[in-house]
Each structure stands twice: as C-alpha cells, then as structure tokens.
Amino acid sequence: MSNSPELVIAITTVDTAERAEELAAELIRRRLAACVQIDGPITSHYVWEGKAERSAEWRLSIKSTEARLEDLQRAAHDQHPYSLPQWIVIRPADASAAYAEWVEQAVRPDPGISP
C-alpha cells in the first residue's frame, strides 16, 4: 500500500438507474472519472423541507483525482437531477500504487477528445 493523496472517491445518489447510468457514462466519456460503480436500489431516509422522506436511490462511487475534482464536481452537478445533490468526497489515506496510477492515467485529459 502506498500513500496516494491524489486519489479521490466522490459519492452521489440519483433517483433512477437510468440517470445513474447516464451520469456515469458521461463522466467516463469526459475523462473526469476512471471508474464509476453504481449500487442500487438503496433506500434513503432523510429530512427534506421539514418533512421525513423515504425513497429509492442509486449510489454512484466515482473514482478520480484531486486534479480533476473541480471539473468532476461541476459536470456532476450540471447534469444532476436534484436541486441539492449529495456530494461527498473521500480522500483515501492509502491505496495501491498501481491502482492510483491507473486512475491518474485514465482521467488525464486527452487533447484529442473534447469534453
């Protein structure tokens, strides 16, 4: 294991499997994420506008780098169906060096691909 401060995992949720698939595909296409894992449906309990709510959601775990995080967040929020999306960023203390290098290479902007 190697200390990999560049690796980030962003977590968000959406309301349908289709939206999860669309968002994941777009983030990969734009090279903002190396990998997006989708879990769901999950059940979320929360308070919204003063009322207890319960809904099915799909959770996206998005692997990227610190260098791409600002663009990743902007793109995810621009395409997000919620007015206030969950956006949690985890910075792993340790990750395998080989995996961190793969993530870094996968999200490196390609001058031949327009976003």
C-alpha atoms as a PDB file:
ATOM      1  CA  MET A   1       0.000   0.000   0.000  1.00  0.00           C
ATOM      2  CA  SER A   2       1.171   3.467  -0.821  1.00  0.00           C
ATOM      3  CA  ASN A   3       0.068   6.860   0.352  1.00  0.00           C
ATOM      4  CA  SER A   4      -1.989   8.285  -2.544  1.00  0.00           C
ATOM      5  CA  PRO A   5      -3.227  11.776  -1.753  1.00  0.00           C
ATOM      6  CA  GLU A   6      -4.219  12.340  -5.395  1.00  0.00           C
ATOM      7  CA  LEU A   7      -6.888   9.625  -5.438  1.00  0.00           C
ATOM      8  CA  VAL A   8     -10.434  10.771  -4.578  1.00  0.00           C
ATOM      9  CA  ILE A   9     -13.759   8.981  -4.369  1.00  0.00           C
ATOM     10  CA  ALA A  10     -16.830  11.164  -4.849  1.00  0.00           C
ATOM     11  CA  ILE A  11     -20.210   9.805  -3.799  1.00  0.00           C
ATOM     12  CA  THR A  12     -23.600  10.971  -5.013  1.00  0.00           C
ATOM     13  CA  THR A  13     -27.079   9.498  -5.422  1.00  0.00           C
ATOM     14  CA  VAL A  14     -29.749   9.815  -8.114  1.00  0.00           C
ATOM     15  CA  ASP A  15     -33.381   8.795  -8.387  1.00  0.00           C
ATOM     16  CA  THR A  16     -33.294   6.180 -11.172  1.00  0.00           C
ATOM     17  CA  ALA A  17     -30.997   3.512 -12.565  1.00  0.00           C
ATOM     18  CA  GLU A  18     -31.188   5.196 -15.975  1.00  0.00           C
ATOM     19  CA  ARG A  19     -29.951   8.521 -14.585  1.00  0.00           C
ATOM     20  CA  ALA A  20     -27.153   6.732 -12.763  1.00  0.00           C
ATOM     21  CA  GLU A  21     -26.068   5.014 -15.987  1.00  0.00           C
ATOM     22  CA  GLU A  22     -26.246   8.276 -17.972  1.00  0.00           C
ATOM     23  CA  LEU A  23     -24.256  10.245 -15.409  1.00  0.00           C
ATOM     24  CA  ALA A  24     -21.623   7.506 -15.092  1.00  0.00           C
ATOM     25  CA  ALA A  25     -21.216   7.228 -18.867  1.00  0.00           C
ATOM     26  CA  GLU A  26     -20.854  10.994 -19.277  1.00  0.00           C
ATOM     27  CA  LEU A  27     -18.219  11.286 -16.542  1.00  0.00           C
ATOM     28  CA  ILE A  28     -16.221   8.445 -18.111  1.00  0.00           C
ATOM     29  CA  ARG A  29     -16.627   9.885 -21.625  1.00  0.00           C
ATOM     30  CA  ARG A  30     -15.271  13.237 -20.442  1.00  0.00           C
ATOM     31  CA  ARG A  31     -12.357  11.524 -18.657  1.00  0.00           C
ATOM     32  CA  LEU A  32     -13.393  13.028 -15.341  1.00  0.00           C
ATOM     33  CA  ALA A  33     -13.702   9.586 -13.744  1.00  0.00           C
ATOM     34  CA  ALA A  34     -11.653   6.437 -14.179  1.00  0.00           C
ATOM     35  CA  CYS A  35     -14.380   4.217 -12.764  1.00  0.00           C
ATOM     36  CA  VAL A  36     -17.951   4.712 -11.564  1.00  0.00           C
ATOM     37  CA  GLN A  37     -19.620   1.992  -9.545  1.00  0.00           C
ATOM     38  CA  ILE A  38     -23.399   2.023  -9.204  1.00  0.00           C
ATOM     39  CA  ASP A  39     -25.181   0.438  -6.238  1.00  0.00           C
ATOM     40  CA  GLY A  40     -28.912   0.197  -6.032  1.00  0.00           C
ATOM     41  CA  PRO A  41     -31.559   0.439  -5.464  1.00  0.00           C
ATOM     42  CA  ILE A  42     -30.795   1.586  -1.940  1.00  0.00           C
ATOM     43  CA  THR A  43     -33.318   3.050   0.460  1.00  0.00           C
ATOM     44  CA  SER A  44     -32.601   6.564   1.704  1.00  0.00           C
ATOM     45  CA  HIS A  45     -34.290   8.114   4.741  1.00  0.00           C
ATOM     46  CA  TYR A  46     -33.846  11.876   5.104  1.00  0.00           C
ATOM     47  CA  VAL A  47     -35.496  15.159   6.053  1.00  0.00           C
ATOM     48  CA  TRP A  48     -36.363  17.445   3.124  1.00  0.00           C
ATOM     49  CA  GLU A  49     -38.136  20.775   3.575  1.00  0.00           C
ATOM     50  CA  GLY A  50     -39.040  19.853   7.148  1.00  0.00           C
ATOM     51  CA  LYS A  51     -40.619  16.514   6.294  1.00  0.00           C
ATOM     52  CA  ALA A  52     -39.323  12.968   6.824  1.00  0.00           C
ATOM     53  CA  GLU A  53     -38.869  11.258   3.452  1.00  0.00           C
ATOM     54  CA  ARG A  54     -38.019   7.782   2.211  1.00  0.00           C
ATOM     55  CA  SER A  55     -37.050   6.972  -1.366  1.00  0.00           C
ATOM     56  CA  ALA A  56     -35.220   4.534  -3.592  1.00  0.00           C
ATOM     57  CA  GLU A  57     -31.938   5.850  -4.961  1.00  0.00           C
ATOM     58  CA  TRP A  58     -28.882   4.646  -6.844  1.00  0.00           C
ATOM     59  CA  ARG A  59     -25.474   5.465  -5.348  1.00  0.00           C
ATOM     60  CA  LEU A  60     -22.529   6.326  -7.573  1.00  0.00           C
ATOM     61  CA  SER A  61     -18.973   5.902  -6.259  1.00  0.00           C
ATOM     62  CA  ILE A  62     -16.803   7.908  -8.613  1.00  0.00           C
ATOM     63  CA  LYS A  63     -13.014   7.368  -8.710  1.00  0.00           C
ATOM     64  CA  SER A  64     -10.920  10.291  -9.885  1.00  0.00           C
ATOM     65  CA  THR A  65      -8.016  12.512  -8.843  1.00  0.00           C
ATOM     66  CA  GLU A  66      -7.691  15.701  -6.863  1.00  0.00           C
ATOM     67  CA  ALA A  67      -6.516  17.463 -10.029  1.00  0.00           C
ATOM     68  CA  ARG A  68      -9.809  16.620 -11.835  1.00  0.00           C
ATOM     69  CA  LEU A  69     -12.107  17.086  -8.822  1.00  0.00           C
ATOM     70  CA  GLU A  70     -13.295  20.632  -9.568  1.00  0.00           C
ATOM     71  CA  ASP A  71     -14.260  19.745 -13.157  1.00  0.00           C
ATOM     72  CA  LEU A  72     -15.807  16.474 -11.978  1.00  0.00           C
ATOM     73  CA  GLN A  73     -17.973  18.230  -9.407  1.00  0.00           C
ATOM     74  CA  ARG A  74     -19.084  20.871 -11.890  1.00  0.00           C
ATOM     75  CA  ALA A  75     -20.032  18.262 -14.508  1.00  0.00           C
ATOM     76  CA  ALA A  76     -21.841  16.054 -11.997  1.00  0.00           C
ATOM     77  CA  HIS A  77     -23.830  18.972 -10.597  1.00  0.00           C
ATOM     78  CA  ASP A  78     -24.671  20.342 -14.053  1.00  0.00           C
ATOM     79  CA  GLN A  79     -26.249  17.013 -15.028  1.00  0.00           C
ATOM     80  CA  HIS A  80     -27.692  16.094 -11.634  1.00  0.00           C
ATOM     81  CA  PRO A  81     -31.483  15.735 -11.322  1.00  0.00           C
ATOM     82  CA  TYR A  82     -31.570  17.055  -7.726  1.00  0.00           C
ATOM     83  CA  SER A  83     -31.562  20.730  -6.762  1.00  0.00           C
ATOM     84  CA  LEU A  84     -29.299  19.822  -3.823  1.00  0.00           C
ATOM     85  CA  PRO A  85     -27.310  16.702  -4.729  1.00  0.00           C
ATOM     86  CA  GLN A  86     -25.397  14.696  -2.186  1.00  0.00           C
ATOM     87  CA  TRP A  87     -21.710  15.269  -2.882  1.00  0.00           C
ATOM     88  CA  ILE A  88     -19.235  13.665  -0.518  1.00  0.00           C
ATOM     89  CA  VAL A  89     -15.552  13.388  -1.353  1.00  0.00           C
ATOM     90  CA  ILE A  90     -13.356  10.803   0.334  1.00  0.00           C
ATOM     91  CA  ARG A  91      -9.589  11.084   0.164  1.00  0.00           C
ATOM     92  CA  PRO A  92      -8.168   7.630   0.899  1.00  0.00           C
ATOM     93  CA  ALA A  93      -5.135   7.603   3.161  1.00  0.00           C
ATOM     94  CA  ASP A  94      -3.857   4.516   1.371  1.00  0.00           C
ATOM     95  CA  ALA A  95      -4.468   2.875  -1.976  1.00  0.00           C
ATOM     96  CA  SER A  96      -2.387   0.552  -4.061  1.00  0.00           C
ATOM     97  CA  ALA A  97       0.148   2.489  -6.078  1.00  0.00           C
ATOM     98  CA  ALA A  98      -0.789   0.598  -9.245  1.00  0.00           C
ATOM     99  CA  TYR A  99      -4.493   1.426  -8.868  1.00  0.00           C
ATOM    100  CA  ALA A 100      -3.794   5.096  -8.120  1.00  0.00           C
ATOM    101  CA  GLU A 101      -1.570   5.289 -11.216  1.00  0.00           C
ATOM    102  CA  TRP A 102      -4.300   3.687 -13.358  1.00  0.00           C
ATOM    103  CA  VAL A 103      -6.853   6.232 -12.095  1.00  0.00           C
ATOM    104  CA  GLU A 104      -4.461   9.089 -12.786  1.00  0.00           C
ATOM    105  CA  GLN A 105      -3.802   7.871 -16.344  1.00  0.00           C
ATOM    106  CA  ALA A 106      -7.493   7.255 -17.043  1.00  0.00           C
ATOM    107  CA  VAL A 107      -8.536  10.797 -16.132  1.00  0.00           C
ATOM    108  CA  ARG A 108      -5.600  12.566 -17.732  1.00  0.00           C
ATOM    109  CA  PRO A 109      -7.123  14.977 -20.247  1.00  0.00           C
ATOM    110  CA  ASP A 110      -6.648  13.859 -23.818  1.00  0.00           C
ATOM    111  CA  PRO A 111      -6.042  16.826 -26.125  1.00  0.00           C
ATOM    112  CA  GLY A 112      -7.707  14.884 -28.941  1.00  0.00           C
ATOM    113  CA  ILE A 113     -11.013  14.443 -27.080  1.00  0.00           C
ATOM    114  CA  SER A 114     -13.243  17.437 -26.495  1.00  0.00           C
ATOM    115  CA  PRO A 115     -15.301  17.456 -23.284  1.00  0.00           C
END
